[in-house]
Amino acid sequence: MNSKPRRILVVENHPDSAAMLAKLLQSKGHTVTTAATCAAARAAFKSAIFDVAVIDVGLPDGDGCDLFRELRAIRIIPALAVSGYGMADDVQRTQTAGFVAHILKPVDLLQLEDLISNVHLSAFPA
């Protein structure tokens, strides 16, 4: 599925996973910035405008849910949570944080592209 090109922030601390996600999303025409830590994500978010974020819940210097709350305090943005955990409590935690979807690892790339294509950006003013 082809979607309107988006500016995407991918926050993923595993280098191979981050590279794979970036490569896939770029192949679909998206502009991708990657960050491996909460600190790097904060810096990227303050220096550029993104249409959507894909955030790993488990990061080396913090929690992805807490990070997303911080980012949304700066500017409203839709985001997709990525996690190796998918129990009801895990999904509820990401929903409570404001993520529009909870994606289990390993990431289904078609599902990810579909979710990004269907994020209604107009519902999330910059």
PDB file of N, CA and C in Angstrom:
ATOM      1  N   MET A   1       0.847  -1.178   0.000  1.00  0.00           N
ATOM      2  CA  MET A   1       0.000   0.000   0.000  1.00  0.00           C
ATOM      3  C   MET A   1       0.886   1.232   0.000  1.00  0.00           C
ATOM      4  N   ASN A   2       0.584   2.156  -0.885  1.00  0.00           N
ATOM      5  CA  ASN A   2       1.330   3.406  -0.924  1.00  0.00           C
ATOM      6  C   ASN A   2       0.568   4.450  -0.140  1.00  0.00           C
ATOM      7  N   SER A   3       1.281   5.236   0.613  1.00  0.00           N
ATOM      8  CA  SER A   3       0.645   6.280   1.398  1.00  0.00           C
ATOM      9  C   SER A   3       1.303   7.604   1.081  1.00  0.00           C
ATOM     10  N   LYS A   4       0.642   8.655   1.540  1.00  0.00           N
ATOM     11  CA  LYS A   4       1.226   9.983   1.432  1.00  0.00           C
ATOM     12  C   LYS A   4       2.536   9.980   2.201  1.00  0.00           C
ATOM     13  N   PRO A   5       3.600  10.512   1.613  1.00  0.00           N
ATOM     14  CA  PRO A   5       4.880  10.539   2.335  1.00  0.00           C
ATOM     15  C   PRO A   5       4.755  11.271   3.663  1.00  0.00           C
ATOM     16  N   ARG A   6       5.329  10.690   4.686  1.00  0.00           N
ATOM     17  CA  ARG A   6       5.284  11.243   6.035  1.00  0.00           C
ATOM     18  C   ARG A   6       6.703  11.511   6.525  1.00  0.00           C
ATOM     19  N   ARG A   7       6.801  12.398   7.475  1.00  0.00           N
ATOM     20  CA  ARG A   7       8.061  12.634   8.192  1.00  0.00           C
ATOM     21  C   ARG A   7       7.938  11.837   9.480  1.00  0.00           C
ATOM     22  N   ILE A   8       8.782  10.823   9.619  1.00  0.00           N
ATOM     23  CA  ILE A   8       8.621   9.851  10.695  1.00  0.00           C
ATOM     24  C   ILE A   8       9.840   9.848  11.608  1.00  0.00           C
ATOM     25  N   LEU A   9       9.565   9.887  12.912  1.00  0.00           N
ATOM     26  CA  LEU A   9      10.607   9.705  13.921  1.00  0.00           C
ATOM     27  C   LEU A   9      10.511   8.267  14.406  1.00  0.00           C
ATOM     28  N   VAL A  10      11.570   7.492  14.213  1.00  0.00           N
ATOM     29  CA  VAL A  10      11.647   6.114  14.695  1.00  0.00           C
ATOM     30  C   VAL A  10      12.588   6.095  15.889  1.00  0.00           C
ATOM     31  N   VAL A  11      12.053   5.706  17.046  1.00  0.00           N
ATOM     32  CA  VAL A  11      12.853   5.623  18.263  1.00  0.00           C
ATOM     33  C   VAL A  11      13.010   4.140  18.589  1.00  0.00           C
ATOM     34  N   GLU A  12      14.193   3.616  18.319  1.00  0.00           N
ATOM     35  CA  GLU A  12      14.476   2.182  18.464  1.00  0.00           C
ATOM     36  C   GLU A  12      15.945   2.027  18.812  1.00  0.00           C
ATOM     37  N   ASN A  13      16.234   1.370  19.940  1.00  0.00           N
ATOM     38  CA  ASN A  13      17.622   1.271  20.383  1.00  0.00           C
ATOM     39  C   ASN A  13      18.395   0.122  19.749  1.00  0.00           C
ATOM     40  N   HIS A  14      17.720  -0.820  19.141  1.00  0.00           N
ATOM     41  CA  HIS A  14      18.411  -1.932  18.484  1.00  0.00           C
ATOM     42  C   HIS A  14      18.817  -1.467  17.085  1.00  0.00           C
ATOM     43  N   PRO A  15      20.132  -1.341  16.814  1.00  0.00           N
ATOM     44  CA  PRO A  15      20.595  -0.754  15.548  1.00  0.00           C
ATOM     45  C   PRO A  15      20.055  -1.445  14.302  1.00  0.00           C
ATOM     46  N   ASP A  16      20.041  -2.784  14.286  1.00  0.00           N
ATOM     47  CA  ASP A  16      19.546  -3.489  13.100  1.00  0.00           C
ATOM     48  C   ASP A  16      18.058  -3.248  12.881  1.00  0.00           C
ATOM     49  N   SER A  17      17.293  -3.238  13.961  1.00  0.00           N
ATOM     50  CA  SER A  17      15.851  -2.983  13.850  1.00  0.00           C
ATOM     51  C   SER A  17      15.593  -1.560  13.368  1.00  0.00           C
ATOM     52  N   ALA A  18      16.319  -0.612  13.915  1.00  0.00           N
ATOM     53  CA  ALA A  18      16.154   0.785  13.500  1.00  0.00           C
ATOM     54  C   ALA A  18      16.493   0.945  12.017  1.00  0.00           C
ATOM     55  N   ALA A  19      17.585   0.323  11.593  1.00  0.00           N
ATOM     56  CA  ALA A  19      17.997   0.418  10.191  1.00  0.00           C
ATOM     57  C   ALA A  19      16.973  -0.231   9.273  1.00  0.00           C
ATOM     58  N   MET A  20      16.440  -1.380   9.681  1.00  0.00           N
ATOM     59  CA  MET A  20      15.445  -2.068   8.871  1.00  0.00           C
ATOM     60  C   MET A  20      14.170  -1.233   8.747  1.00  0.00           C
ATOM     61  N   LEU A  21      13.701  -0.698   9.866  1.00  0.00           N
ATOM     62  CA  LEU A  21      12.495   0.134   9.828  1.00  0.00           C
ATOM     63  C   LEU A  21      12.712   1.367   8.956  1.00  0.00           C
ATOM     64  N   ALA A  22      13.853   2.021   9.135  1.00  0.00           N
ATOM     65  CA  ALA A  22      14.153   3.213   8.338  1.00  0.00           C
ATOM     66  C   ALA A  22      14.198   2.878   6.853  1.00  0.00           C
ATOM     67  N   LYS A  23      14.867   1.794   6.513  1.00  0.00           N
ATOM     68  CA  LYS A  23      14.997   1.409   5.100  1.00  0.00           C
ATOM     69  C   LYS A  23      13.628   1.107   4.495  1.00  0.00           C
ATOM     70  N   LEU A  24      12.806   0.359   5.212  1.00  0.00           N
ATOM     71  CA  LEU A  24      11.472   0.042   4.704  1.00  0.00           C
ATOM     72  C   LEU A  24      10.657   1.315   4.503  1.00  0.00           C
ATOM     73  N   LEU A  25      10.624   2.163   5.508  1.00  0.00           N
ATOM     74  CA  LEU A  25       9.808   3.368   5.424  1.00  0.00           C
ATOM     75  C   LEU A  25      10.320   4.324   4.352  1.00  0.00           C
ATOM     76  N   GLN A  26      11.633   4.425   4.209  1.00  0.00           N
ATOM     77  CA  GLN A  26      12.200   5.267   3.154  1.00  0.00           C
ATOM     78  C   GLN A  26      11.860   4.707   1.779  1.00  0.00           C
ATOM     79  N   SER A  27      11.811   3.386   1.653  1.00  0.00           N
ATOM     80  CA  SER A  27      11.466   2.777   0.364  1.00  0.00           C
ATOM     81  C   SER A  27      10.026   3.085  -0.035  1.00  0.00           C
ATOM     82  N   LYS A  28       9.209   3.459   0.932  1.00  0.00           N
ATOM     83  CA  LYS A  28       7.814   3.839   0.679  1.00  0.00           C
ATOM     84  C   LYS A  28       7.677   5.348   0.475  1.00  0.00           C
ATOM     85  N   GLY A  29       8.811   6.049   0.453  1.00  0.00           N
ATOM     86  CA  GLY A  29       8.801   7.477   0.183  1.00  0.00           C
ATOM     87  C   GLY A  29       8.791   8.373   1.404  1.00  0.00           C
ATOM     88  N   HIS A  30       8.842   7.780   2.592  1.00  0.00           N
ATOM     89  CA  HIS A  30       8.820   8.571   3.813  1.00  0.00           C
ATOM     90  C   HIS A  30      10.218   9.112   4.134  1.00  0.00           C
ATOM     91  N   THR A  31      10.253  10.204   4.866  1.00  0.00           N
ATOM     92  CA  THR A  31      11.490  10.747   5.399  1.00  0.00           C
ATOM     93  C   THR A  31      11.593  10.251   6.836  1.00  0.00           C
ATOM     94  N   VAL A  32      12.713   9.621   7.168  1.00  0.00           N
ATOM     95  CA  VAL A  32      12.847   8.970   8.465  1.00  0.00           C
ATOM     96  C   VAL A  32      14.056   9.507   9.219  1.00  0.00           C
ATOM     97  N   THR A  33      13.828   9.824  10.475  1.00  0.00           N
ATOM     98  CA  THR A  33      14.895  10.164  11.404  1.00  0.00           C
ATOM     99  C   THR A  33      14.875   9.109  12.489  1.00  0.00           C
ATOM    100  N   THR A  34      16.024   8.546  12.811  1.00  0.00           N
ATOM    101  CA  THR A  34      16.083   7.533  13.862  1.00  0.00           C
ATOM    102  C   THR A  34      16.770   8.093  15.101  1.00  0.00           C
ATOM    103  N   ALA A  35      16.352   7.565  16.239  1.00  0.00           N
ATOM    104  CA  ALA A  35      16.962   7.919  17.525  1.00  0.00           C
ATOM    105  C   ALA A  35      17.035   6.634  18.343  1.00  0.00           C
ATOM    106  N   ALA A  36      18.150   6.417  19.020  1.00  0.00           N
ATOM    107  CA  ALA A  36      18.352   5.186  19.778  1.00  0.00           C
ATOM    108  C   ALA A  36      18.052   5.338  21.271  1.00  0.00           C
ATOM    109  N   THR A  37      17.846   6.562  21.713  1.00  0.00           N
ATOM    110  CA  THR A  37      17.624   6.816  23.138  1.00  0.00           C
ATOM    111  C   THR A  37      16.530   7.875  23.311  1.00  0.00           C
ATOM    112  N   CYS A  38      16.032   7.982  24.520  1.00  0.00           N
ATOM    113  CA  CYS A  38      15.075   9.048  24.837  1.00  0.00           C
ATOM    114  C   CYS A  38      15.716  10.412  24.607  1.00  0.00           C
ATOM    115  N   ALA A  39      16.959  10.554  25.045  1.00  0.00           N
ATOM    116  CA  ALA A  39      17.655  11.833  24.895  1.00  0.00           C
ATOM    117  C   ALA A  39      17.785  12.227  23.427  1.00  0.00           C
ATOM    118  N   ALA A  40      18.158  11.284  22.583  1.00  0.00           N
ATOM    119  CA  ALA A  40      18.295  11.567  21.153  1.00  0.00           C
ATOM    120  C   ALA A  40      16.934  11.871  20.529  1.00  0.00           C
ATOM    121  N   ALA A  41      15.895  11.181  20.978  1.00  0.00           N
ATOM    122  CA  ALA A  41      14.546  11.428  20.462  1.00  0.00           C
ATOM    123  C   ALA A  41      14.077  12.834  20.832  1.00  0.00           C
ATOM    124  N   ARG A  42      14.327  13.245  22.073  1.00  0.00           N
ATOM    125  CA  ARG A  42      13.951  14.600  22.509  1.00  0.00           C
ATOM    126  C   ARG A  42      14.641  15.651  21.642  1.00  0.00           C
ATOM    127  N   ALA A  43      15.930  15.454  21.406  1.00  0.00           N
ATOM    128  CA  ALA A  43      16.697  16.412  20.605  1.00  0.00           C
ATOM    129  C   ALA A  43      16.169  16.468  19.174  1.00  0.00           C
ATOM    130  N   ALA A  44      15.901  15.307  18.580  1.00  0.00           N
ATOM    131  CA  ALA A  44      15.382  15.269  17.211  1.00  0.00           C
ATOM    132  C   ALA A  44      14.018  15.947  17.136  1.00  0.00           C
ATOM    133  N   PHE A  45      13.169  15.674  18.128  1.00  0.00           N
ATOM    134  CA  PHE A  45      11.815  16.203  18.142  1.00  0.00           C
ATOM    135  C   PHE A  45      11.812  17.724  18.274  1.00  0.00           C
ATOM    136  N   LYS A  46      12.765  18.250  19.006  1.00  0.00           N
ATOM    137  CA  LYS A  46      12.848  19.705  19.179  1.00  0.00           C
ATOM    138  C   LYS A  46      13.427  20.402  17.948  1.00  0.00           C
ATOM    139  N   SER A  47      14.148  19.645  17.108  1.00  0.00           N
ATOM    140  CA  SER A  47      14.814  20.283  15.969  1.00  0.00           C
ATOM    141  C   SER A  47      14.104  20.056  14.634  1.00  0.00           C
ATOM    142  N   ALA A  48      13.027  19.265  14.607  1.00  0.00           N
ATOM    143  CA  ALA A  48      12.326  18.990  13.354  1.00  0.00           C
ATOM    144  C   ALA A  48      10.852  18.732  13.633  1.00  0.00           C
ATOM    145  N   ILE A  49      10.058  18.864  12.591  1.00  0.00           N
ATOM    146  CA  ILE A  49       8.627  18.567  12.677  1.00  0.00           C
ATOM    147  C   ILE A  49       8.397  17.191  12.070  1.00  0.00           C
ATOM    148  N   PHE A  50       7.690  16.341  12.803  1.00  0.00           N
ATOM    149  CA  PHE A  50       7.371  14.993  12.337  1.00  0.00           C
ATOM    150  C   PHE A  50       5.864  14.835  12.245  1.00  0.00           C
ATOM    151  N   ASP A  51       5.429  13.994  11.322  1.00  0.00           N
ATOM    152  CA  ASP A  51       4.007  13.696  11.151  1.00  0.00           C
ATOM    153  C   ASP A  51       3.557  12.564  12.070  1.00  0.00           C
ATOM    154  N   VAL A  52       4.464  11.648  12.353  1.00  0.00           N
ATOM    155  CA  VAL A  52       4.143  10.474  13.160  1.00  0.00           C
ATOM    156  C   VAL A  52       5.430   9.956  13.790  1.00  0.00           C
ATOM    157  N   ALA A  53       5.282   9.297  14.934  1.00  0.00           N
ATOM    158  CA  ALA A  53       6.434   8.686  15.604  1.00  0.00           C
ATOM    159  C   ALA A  53       6.162   7.201  15.798  1.00  0.00           C
ATOM    160  N   VAL A  54       7.223   6.419  15.709  1.00  0.00           N
ATOM    161  CA  VAL A  54       7.192   4.994  16.009  1.00  0.00           C
ATOM    162  C   VAL A  54       8.180   4.816  17.152  1.00  0.00           C
ATOM    163  N   ILE A  55       7.667   4.463  18.336  1.00  0.00           N
ATOM    164  CA  ILE A  55       8.497   4.490  19.539  1.00  0.00           C
ATOM    165  C   ILE A  55       8.529   3.134  20.220  1.00  0.00           C
ATOM    166  N   ASP A  56       9.738   2.608  20.406  1.00  0.00           N
ATOM    167  CA  ASP A  56       9.940   1.391  21.182  1.00  0.00           C
ATOM    168  C   ASP A  56       9.638   1.723  22.643  1.00  0.00           C
ATOM    169  N   VAL A  57       8.897   0.845  23.301  1.00  0.00           N
ATOM    170  CA  VAL A  57       8.534   1.105  24.693  1.00  0.00           C
ATOM    171  C   VAL A  57       9.737   0.924  25.621  1.00  0.00           C
ATOM    172  N   GLY A  58      10.612  -0.036  25.333  1.00  0.00           N
ATOM    173  CA  GLY A  58      11.771  -0.290  26.176  1.00  0.00           C
ATOM    174  C   GLY A  58      13.027   0.337  25.608  1.00  0.00           C
ATOM    175  N   LEU A  59      13.455   1.434  26.206  1.00  0.00           N
ATOM    176  CA  LEU A  59      14.645   2.142  25.740  1.00  0.00           C
ATOM    177  C   LEU A  59      15.694   2.147  26.842  1.00  0.00           C
ATOM    178  N   PRO A  60      16.974   2.259  26.477  1.00  0.00           N
ATOM    179  CA  PRO A  60      18.035   2.132  27.482  1.00  0.00           C
ATOM    180  C   PRO A  60      18.062   3.239  28.530  1.00  0.00           C
ATOM    181  N   ASP A  61      17.544   4.400  28.192  1.00  0.00           N
ATOM    182  CA  ASP A  61      17.605   5.512  29.140  1.00  0.00           C
ATOM    183  C   ASP A  61      16.225   5.992  29.592  1.00  0.00           C
ATOM    184  N   GLY A  62      15.225   5.141  29.418  1.00  0.00           N
ATOM    185  CA  GLY A  62      13.894   5.524  29.871  1.00  0.00           C
ATOM    186  C   GLY A  62      12.808   4.674  29.256  1.00  0.00           C
ATOM    187  N   ASP A  63      11.593   5.045  29.563  1.00  0.00           N
ATOM    188  CA  ASP A  63      10.414   4.325  29.118  1.00  0.00           C
ATOM    189  C   ASP A  63       9.773   5.049  27.932  1.00  0.00           C
ATOM    190  N   GLY A  64       9.439   4.299  26.885  1.00  0.00           N
ATOM    191  CA  GLY A  64       8.848   4.901  25.695  1.00  0.00           C
ATOM    192  C   GLY A  64       7.515   5.588  25.953  1.00  0.00           C
ATOM    193  N   CYS A  65       6.739   5.082  26.899  1.00  0.00           N
ATOM    194  CA  CYS A  65       5.461   5.727  27.239  1.00  0.00           C
ATOM    195  C   CYS A  65       5.707   7.095  27.871  1.00  0.00           C
ATOM    196  N   ASP A  66       6.666   7.160  28.784  1.00  0.00           N
ATOM    197  CA  ASP A  66       7.017   8.440  29.407  1.00  0.00           C
ATOM    198  C   ASP A  66       7.573   9.410  28.362  1.00  0.00           C
ATOM    199  N   LEU A  67       8.409   8.889  27.481  1.00  0.00           N
ATOM    200  CA  LEU A  67       8.970   9.721  26.411  1.00  0.00           C
ATOM    201  C   LEU A  67       7.853  10.306  25.566  1.00  0.00           C
ATOM    202  N   PHE A  68       6.885   9.481  25.179  1.00  0.00           N
ATOM    203  CA  PHE A  68       5.803   9.969  24.334  1.00  0.00           C
ATOM    204  C   PHE A  68       4.992  11.054  25.035  1.00  0.00           C
ATOM    205  N   ARG A  69       4.762  10.891  26.311  1.00  0.00           N
ATOM    206  CA  ARG A  69       4.052  11.938  27.068  1.00  0.00           C
ATOM    207  C   ARG A  69       4.840  13.258  27.024  1.00  0.00           C
ATOM    208  N   GLU A  70       6.150  13.167  27.156  1.00  0.00           N
ATOM    209  CA  GLU A  70       6.995  14.368  27.086  1.00  0.00           C
ATOM    210  C   GLU A  70       6.906  15.027  25.712  1.00  0.00           C
ATOM    211  N   LEU A  71       6.986  14.211  24.665  1.00  0.00           N
ATOM    212  CA  LEU A  71       6.935  14.752  23.307  1.00  0.00           C
ATOM    213  C   LEU A  71       5.593  15.421  23.037  1.00  0.00           C
ATOM    214  N   ARG A  72       4.523  14.789  23.471  1.00  0.00           N
ATOM    215  CA  ARG A  72       3.179  15.355  23.249  1.00  0.00           C
ATOM    216  C   ARG A  72       2.969  16.638  24.041  1.00  0.00           C
ATOM    217  N   ALA A  73       3.707  16.827  25.114  1.00  0.00           N
ATOM    218  CA  ALA A  73       3.623  18.090  25.860  1.00  0.00           C
ATOM    219  C   ALA A  73       4.254  19.231  25.057  1.00  0.00           C
ATOM    220  N   ILE A  74       5.190  18.876  24.181  1.00  0.00           N
ATOM    221  CA  ILE A  74       5.842  19.864  23.317  1.00  0.00           C
ATOM    222  C   ILE A  74       4.964  20.154  22.105  1.00  0.00           C
ATOM    223  N   ARG A  75       4.477  19.069  21.466  1.00  0.00           N
ATOM    224  CA  ARG A  75       3.683  19.192  20.241  1.00  0.00           C
ATOM    225  C   ARG A  75       2.882  17.899  20.067  1.00  0.00           C
ATOM    226  N   ILE A  76       1.611  18.027  19.749  1.00  0.00           N
ATOM    227  CA  ILE A  76       0.760  16.856  19.553  1.00  0.00           C
ATOM    228  C   ILE A  76       1.186  16.136  18.278  1.00  0.00           C
ATOM    229  N   ILE A  77       1.335  14.812  18.401  1.00  0.00           N
ATOM    230  CA  ILE A  77       1.746  13.982  17.271  1.00  0.00           C
ATOM    231  C   ILE A  77       1.169  12.584  17.482  1.00  0.00           C
ATOM    232  N   PRO A  78       0.675  11.953  16.431  1.00  0.00           N
ATOM    233  CA  PRO A  78       0.252  10.562  16.586  1.00  0.00           C
ATOM    234  C   PRO A  78       1.482   9.664  16.655  1.00  0.00           C
ATOM    235  N   ALA A  79       1.380   8.596  17.450  1.00  0.00           N
ATOM    236  CA  ALA A  79       2.527   7.693  17.578  1.00  0.00           C
ATOM    237  C   ALA A  79       2.060   6.251  17.701  1.00  0.00           C
ATOM    238  N   LEU A  80       2.927   5.362  17.254  1.00  0.00           N
ATOM    239  CA  LEU A  80       2.715   3.930  17.329  1.00  0.00           C
ATOM    240  C   LEU A  80       3.723   3.359  18.306  1.00  0.00           C
ATOM    241  N   ALA A  81       3.249   2.572  19.265  1.00  0.00           N
ATOM    242  CA  ALA A  81       4.135   1.923  20.227  1.00  0.00           C
ATOM    243  C   ALA A  81       4.618   0.604  19.652  1.00  0.00           C
ATOM    244  N   VAL A  82       5.893   0.300  19.866  1.00  0.00           N
ATOM    245  CA  VAL A  82       6.472  -0.972  19.465  1.00  0.00           C
ATOM    246  C   VAL A  82       6.997  -1.638  20.725  1.00  0.00           C
ATOM    247  N   SER A  83       6.637  -2.915  20.911  1.00  0.00           N
ATOM    248  CA  SER A  83       7.035  -3.598  22.139  1.00  0.00           C
ATOM    249  C   SER A  83       7.140  -5.099  21.920  1.00  0.00           C
ATOM    250  N   GLY A  84       7.985  -5.713  22.707  1.00  0.00           N
ATOM    251  CA  GLY A  84       8.077  -7.168  22.722  1.00  0.00           C
ATOM    252  C   GLY A  84       7.025  -7.783  23.619  1.00  0.00           C
ATOM    253  N   TYR A  85       6.269  -6.943  24.314  1.00  0.00           N
ATOM    254  CA  TYR A  85       5.253  -7.409  25.251  1.00  0.00           C
ATOM    255  C   TYR A  85       3.872  -7.021  24.756  1.00  0.00           C
ATOM    256  N   GLY A  86       2.955  -7.985  24.787  1.00  0.00           N
ATOM    257  CA  GLY A  86       1.631  -7.722  24.248  1.00  0.00           C
ATOM    258  C   GLY A  86       0.486  -8.186  25.119  1.00  0.00           C
ATOM    259  N   MET A  87       0.746  -8.328  26.403  1.00  0.00           N
ATOM    260  CA  MET A  87      -0.333  -8.694  27.312  1.00  0.00           C
ATOM    261  C   MET A  87      -1.308  -7.511  27.424  1.00  0.00           C
ATOM    262  N   ALA A  88      -2.506  -7.799  27.898  1.00  0.00           N
ATOM    263  CA  ALA A  88      -3.531  -6.755  27.998  1.00  0.00           C
ATOM    264  C   ALA A  88      -3.036  -5.541  28.780  1.00  0.00           C
ATOM    265  N   ASP A  89      -2.297  -5.769  29.867  1.00  0.00           N
ATOM    266  CA  ASP A  89      -1.769  -4.653  30.662  1.00  0.00           C
ATOM    267  C   ASP A  89      -0.789  -3.801  29.868  1.00  0.00           C
ATOM    268  N   ASP A  90       0.023  -4.464  29.026  1.00  0.00           N
ATOM    269  CA  ASP A  90       0.992  -3.737  28.202  1.00  0.00           C
ATOM    270  C   ASP A  90       0.276  -2.852  27.185  1.00  0.00           C
ATOM    271  N   VAL A  91      -0.719  -3.411  26.531  1.00  0.00           N
ATOM    272  CA  VAL A  91      -1.476  -2.657  25.533  1.00  0.00           C
ATOM    273  C   VAL A  91      -2.222  -1.508  26.204  1.00  0.00           C
ATOM    274  N   GLN A  92      -2.813  -1.764  27.362  1.00  0.00           N
ATOM    275  CA  GLN A  92      -3.530  -0.723  28.096  1.00  0.00           C
ATOM    276  C   GLN A  92      -2.592   0.426  28.474  1.00  0.00           C
ATOM    277  N   ARG A  93      -1.377   0.090  28.863  1.00  0.00           N
ATOM    278  CA  ARG A  93      -0.405   1.110  29.258  1.00  0.00           C
ATOM    279  C   ARG A  93      -0.057   2.023  28.080  1.00  0.00           C
ATOM    280  N   THR A  94       0.115   1.440  26.890  1.00  0.00           N
ATOM    281  CA  THR A  94       0.444   2.278  25.727  1.00  0.00           C
ATOM    282  C   THR A  94      -0.772   3.093  25.288  1.00  0.00           C
ATOM    283  N   GLN A  95      -1.968   2.510  25.407  1.00  0.00           N
ATOM    284  CA  GLN A  95      -3.179   3.268  25.071  1.00  0.00           C
ATOM    285  C   GLN A  95      -3.352   4.443  26.027  1.00  0.00           C
ATOM    286  N   THR A  96      -3.118   4.203  27.305  1.00  0.00           N
ATOM    287  CA  THR A  96      -3.236   5.260  28.310  1.00  0.00           C
ATOM    288  C   THR A  96      -2.235   6.384  28.046  1.00  0.00           C
ATOM    289  N   ALA A  97      -1.060   6.026  27.538  1.00  0.00           N
ATOM    290  CA  ALA A  97      -0.040   7.031  27.211  1.00  0.00           C
ATOM    291  C   ALA A  97      -0.422   7.854  25.983  1.00  0.00           C
ATOM    292  N   GLY A  98      -1.386   7.359  25.189  1.00  0.00           N
ATOM    293  CA  GLY A  98      -1.847   8.117  24.030  1.00  0.00           C
ATOM    294  C   GLY A  98      -1.443   7.569  22.678  1.00  0.00           C
ATOM    295  N   PHE A  99      -0.767   6.423  22.661  1.00  0.00           N
ATOM    296  CA  PHE A  99      -0.395   5.827  21.374  1.00  0.00           C
ATOM    297  C   PHE A  99      -1.649   5.410  20.617  1.00  0.00           C
ATOM    298  N   VAL A 100      -1.617   5.513  19.296  1.00  0.00           N
ATOM    299  CA  VAL A 100      -2.771   5.123  18.484  1.00  0.00           C
ATOM    300  C   VAL A 100      -2.793   3.631  18.187  1.00  0.00           C
ATOM    301  N   ALA A 101      -1.656   2.953  18.388  1.00  0.00           N
ATOM    302  CA  ALA A 101      -1.603   1.506  18.156  1.00  0.00           C
ATOM    303  C   ALA A 101      -0.435   0.916  18.936  1.00  0.00           C
ATOM    304  N   HIS A 102      -0.542  -0.383  19.212  1.00  0.00           N
ATOM    305  CA  HIS A 102       0.494  -1.150  19.913  1.00  0.00           C
ATOM    306  C   HIS A 102       0.912  -2.266  18.958  1.00  0.00           C
ATOM    307  N   ILE A 103       2.163  -2.232  18.515  1.00  0.00           N
ATOM    308  CA  ILE A 103       2.671  -3.200  17.546  1.00  0.00           C
ATOM    309  C   ILE A 103       3.656  -4.118  18.253  1.00  0.00           C
ATOM    310  N   LEU A 104       3.456  -5.417  18.093  1.00  0.00           N
ATOM    311  CA  LEU A 104       4.359  -6.387  18.710  1.00  0.00           C
ATOM    312  C   LEU A 104       5.593  -6.621  17.860  1.00  0.00           C
ATOM    313  N   LYS A 105       6.712  -6.844  18.533  1.00  0.00           N
ATOM    314  CA  LYS A 105       7.949  -7.259  17.859  1.00  0.00           C
ATOM    315  C   LYS A 105       7.906  -8.773  17.678  1.00  0.00           C
ATOM    316  N   PRO A 106       8.448  -9.303  16.620  1.00  0.00           N
ATOM    317  CA  PRO A 106       9.028  -8.553  15.506  1.00  0.00           C
ATOM    318  C   PRO A 106       7.934  -7.818  14.734  1.00  0.00           C
ATOM    319  N   VAL A 107       8.270  -6.627  14.282  1.00  0.00           N
ATOM    320  CA  VAL A 107       7.307  -5.757  13.619  1.00  0.00           C
ATOM    321  C   VAL A 107       6.887  -6.355  12.286  1.00  0.00           C
ATOM    322  N   ASP A 108       5.578  -6.413  12.083  1.00  0.00           N
ATOM    323  CA  ASP A 108       5.010  -6.805  10.789  1.00  0.00           C
ATOM    324  C   ASP A 108       5.063  -5.546   9.927  1.00  0.00           C
ATOM    325  N   LEU A 109       5.931  -5.558   8.940  1.00  0.00           N
ATOM    326  CA  LEU A 109       6.185  -4.354   8.158  1.00  0.00           C
ATOM    327  C   LEU A 109       4.958  -3.893   7.374  1.00  0.00           C
ATOM    328  N   LEU A 110       4.149  -4.832   6.892  1.00  0.00           N
ATOM    329  CA  LEU A 110       2.925  -4.446   6.182  1.00  0.00           C
ATOM    330  C   LEU A 110       1.940  -3.781   7.138  1.00  0.00           C
ATOM    331  N   GLN A 111       1.835  -4.311   8.354  1.00  0.00           N
ATOM    332  CA  GLN A 111       0.955  -3.714   9.363  1.00  0.00           C
ATOM    333  C   GLN A 111       1.435  -2.303   9.700  1.00  0.00           C
ATOM    334  N   LEU A 112       2.736  -2.142   9.865  1.00  0.00           N
ATOM    335  CA  LEU A 112       3.292  -0.831  10.189  1.00  0.00           C
ATOM    336  C   LEU A 112       2.969   0.171   9.090  1.00  0.00           C
ATOM    337  N   GLU A 113       3.208  -0.192   7.846  1.00  0.00           N
ATOM    338  CA  GLU A 113       2.938   0.720   6.730  1.00  0.00           C
ATOM    339  C   GLU A 113       1.448   1.042   6.662  1.00  0.00           C
ATOM    340  N   ASP A 114       0.591   0.045   6.904  1.00  0.00           N
ATOM    341  CA  ASP A 114      -0.848   0.278   6.884  1.00  0.00           C
ATOM    342  C   ASP A 114      -1.252   1.263   7.980  1.00  0.00           C
ATOM    343  N   LEU A 115      -0.716   1.083   9.178  1.00  0.00           N
ATOM    344  CA  LEU A 115      -1.028   1.999  10.276  1.00  0.00           C
ATOM    345  C   LEU A 115      -0.561   3.421   9.975  1.00  0.00           C
ATOM    346  N   ILE A 116       0.645   3.543   9.443  1.00  0.00           N
ATOM    347  CA  ILE A 116       1.171   4.869   9.098  1.00  0.00           C
ATOM    348  C   ILE A 116       0.311   5.508   8.009  1.00  0.00           C
ATOM    349  N   SER A 117      -0.118   4.714   7.034  1.00  0.00           N
ATOM    350  CA  SER A 117      -0.957   5.226   5.944  1.00  0.00           C
ATOM    351  C   SER A 117      -2.297   5.721   6.456  1.00  0.00           C
ATOM    352  N   ASN A 118      -2.786   5.128   7.513  1.00  0.00           N
ATOM    353  CA  ASN A 118      -4.130   5.431   7.992  1.00  0.00           C
ATOM    354  C   ASN A 118      -4.189   6.350   9.200  1.00  0.00           C
ATOM    355  N   VAL A 119      -3.040   6.852   9.632  1.00  0.00           N
ATOM    356  CA  VAL A 119      -3.038   7.840  10.716  1.00  0.00           C
ATOM    357  C   VAL A 119      -3.630   9.110  10.158  1.00  0.00           C
ATOM    358  N   HIS A 120      -4.658   9.594  10.802  1.00  0.00           N
ATOM    359  CA  HIS A 120      -5.314  10.810  10.345  1.00  0.00           C
ATOM    360  C   HIS A 120      -4.650  12.006  10.993  1.00  0.00           C
ATOM    361  N   LEU A 121      -3.729  12.599  10.253  1.00  0.00           N
ATOM    362  CA  LEU A 121      -2.933  13.681  10.808  1.00  0.00           C
ATOM    363  C   LEU A 121      -3.759  14.907  11.150  1.00  0.00           C
ATOM    364  N   SER A 122      -4.859  15.110  10.453  1.00  0.00           N
ATOM    365  CA  SER A 122      -5.681  16.284  10.731  1.00  0.00           C
ATOM    366  C   SER A 122      -6.270  16.233  12.148  1.00  0.00           C
ATOM    367  N   ALA A 123      -6.360  15.040  12.706  1.00  0.00           N
ATOM    368  CA  ALA A 123      -6.884  14.907  14.067  1.00  0.00           C
ATOM    369  C   ALA A 123      -5.840  15.279  15.121  1.00  0.00           C
ATOM    370  N   PHE A 124      -4.611  15.479  14.688  1.00  0.00           N
ATOM    371  CA  PHE A 124      -3.504  15.782  15.594  1.00  0.00           C
ATOM    372  C   PHE A 124      -2.829  17.058  15.125  1.00  0.00           C
ATOM    373  N   PRO A 125      -3.350  18.224  15.483  1.00  0.00           N
ATOM    374  CA  PRO A 125      -2.751  19.474  15.000  1.00  0.00           C
ATOM    375  C   PRO A 125      -1.331  19.670  15.515  1.00  0.00           C
ATOM    376  N   ALA A 126      -0.508  20.262  14.683  1.00  0.00           N
ATOM    377  CA  ALA A 126       0.892  20.510  15.076  1.00  0.00           C
ATOM    378  C   ALA A 126       0.977  21.671  16.029  1.00  0.00           C
TER     379      ALA A 126
END
